[in-house]
Amino acid sequence: MIASLTGRLTAKAPTHITLDVHGVGYELFIPLSTFYALPDLGESPSLQVHTHVREDAIQLFGFLTASEKDAFLLLTGISGIGPKL
């Protein structure tokens, strides 16, 4: 499981970013709170990561703070609430 990533920010949008970690580009889905706090492209943020594994996909969700990640994990523990919601 991937727990954290630090790398060069190569693309960002309100819903996801691409983080280049030693030549490998990771796409991470992010909340708006993380998007607004991200540095400019080319900078190197460190993100807490939740790896979500499904039968048909592996998705990475990134957070700038541990409290954002904890809130995400609490919400996804509720029946009927998925990680993209």
Protein backbone atom coordinates (compact mmCIF):
# COMPACT_ATOMS: atom_id res chain seq x y z
CA MET A 1 0.00 0.00 0.00
CA ILE A 2 1.25 3.50 -0.81
CA ALA A 3 1.06 5.67 2.32
CA SER A 4 2.76 8.89 1.18
CA LEU A 5 4.40 10.44 -1.87
CA THR A 6 6.79 13.34 -2.38
CA GLY A 7 7.56 14.51 -5.89
CA ARG A 8 7.38 17.23 -8.50
CA LEU A 9 3.89 18.52 -9.27
CA THR A 10 3.48 18.21 -13.06
CA ALA A 11 -0.27 18.77 -13.47
CA LYS A 12 -3.13 19.88 -11.27
CA ALA A 13 -6.87 20.22 -11.57
CA PRO A 14 -9.55 20.67 -8.89
CA THR A 15 -10.19 16.90 -8.77
CA HIS A 16 -6.76 15.35 -9.36
CA ILE A 17 -3.04 15.96 -9.73
CA THR A 18 -0.08 14.24 -11.32
CA LEU A 19 2.98 13.85 -9.12
CA ASP A 20 6.29 12.83 -10.71
CA VAL A 21 8.25 10.68 -8.27
CA HIS A 22 11.65 9.79 -9.78
CA GLY A 23 10.25 9.49 -13.30
CA VAL A 24 6.99 7.75 -12.42
CA GLY A 25 3.84 9.87 -12.72
CA TYR A 26 1.20 9.10 -10.10
CA GLU A 27 -2.35 10.37 -10.58
CA LEU A 28 -3.93 11.22 -7.24
CA PHE A 29 -7.53 12.25 -6.65
CA ILE A 30 -7.66 15.17 -4.21
CA PRO A 31 -10.24 17.19 -2.26
CA LEU A 32 -10.66 20.90 -2.98
CA SER A 33 -9.00 21.79 0.34
CA THR A 34 -5.81 20.12 -0.88
CA PHE A 35 -6.09 21.68 -4.35
CA TYR A 36 -6.22 25.23 -2.97
CA ALA A 37 -3.21 24.62 -0.70
CA LEU A 38 -0.99 23.05 -3.37
CA PRO A 39 2.17 24.86 -4.50
CA ASP A 40 2.80 25.91 -8.10
CA LEU A 41 3.65 23.42 -10.84
CA GLY A 42 7.25 22.24 -10.61
CA GLU A 43 7.30 22.45 -6.80
CA SER A 44 7.60 19.31 -4.63
CA PRO A 45 4.71 18.74 -2.23
CA SER A 46 4.42 15.78 0.14
CA LEU A 47 1.03 14.13 0.32
CA GLN A 48 -0.55 11.55 2.60
CA VAL A 49 -2.02 8.83 0.38
CA HIS A 50 -4.88 6.37 0.70
CA THR A 51 -4.64 3.46 -1.76
CA HIS A 52 -8.10 2.26 -2.72
CA VAL A 53 -8.15 -1.19 -4.35
CA ARG A 54 -11.21 -2.43 -6.19
CA GLU A 55 -11.77 -5.41 -8.41
CA ASP A 56 -11.38 -3.27 -11.53
CA ALA A 57 -9.13 -0.39 -10.41
CA ILE A 58 -6.44 0.86 -8.07
CA GLN A 59 -7.00 4.50 -7.12
CA LEU A 60 -4.80 6.86 -5.11
CA PHE A 61 -6.31 9.65 -3.01
CA GLY A 62 -3.94 12.37 -1.83
CA PHE A 63 -4.17 14.75 1.13
CA LEU A 64 -1.86 17.50 2.36
CA THR A 65 -2.66 16.83 6.01
CA ALA A 66 -3.23 13.75 8.11
CA SER A 67 -6.50 15.22 9.43
CA GLU A 68 -7.91 15.41 5.86
CA LYS A 69 -6.99 11.77 5.35
CA ASP A 70 -8.54 10.76 8.69
CA ALA A 71 -11.81 12.54 7.80
CA PHE A 72 -11.82 10.80 4.41
CA LEU A 73 -11.36 7.39 6.05
CA LEU A 74 -14.17 8.08 8.54
CA LEU A 75 -16.56 9.10 5.77
CA THR A 76 -15.74 6.16 3.50
CA GLY A 77 -16.44 3.82 6.41
CA ILE A 78 -20.11 4.79 6.21
CA SER A 79 -22.27 2.46 4.13
CA GLY A 80 -23.21 4.02 0.80
CA ILE A 81 -20.39 6.58 0.71
CA GLY A 82 -17.64 5.79 -1.77
CA PRO A 83 -14.19 7.37 -2.02
CA LYS A 84 -15.01 9.61 -5.00
CA LEU A 85 -18.02 11.10 -3.22
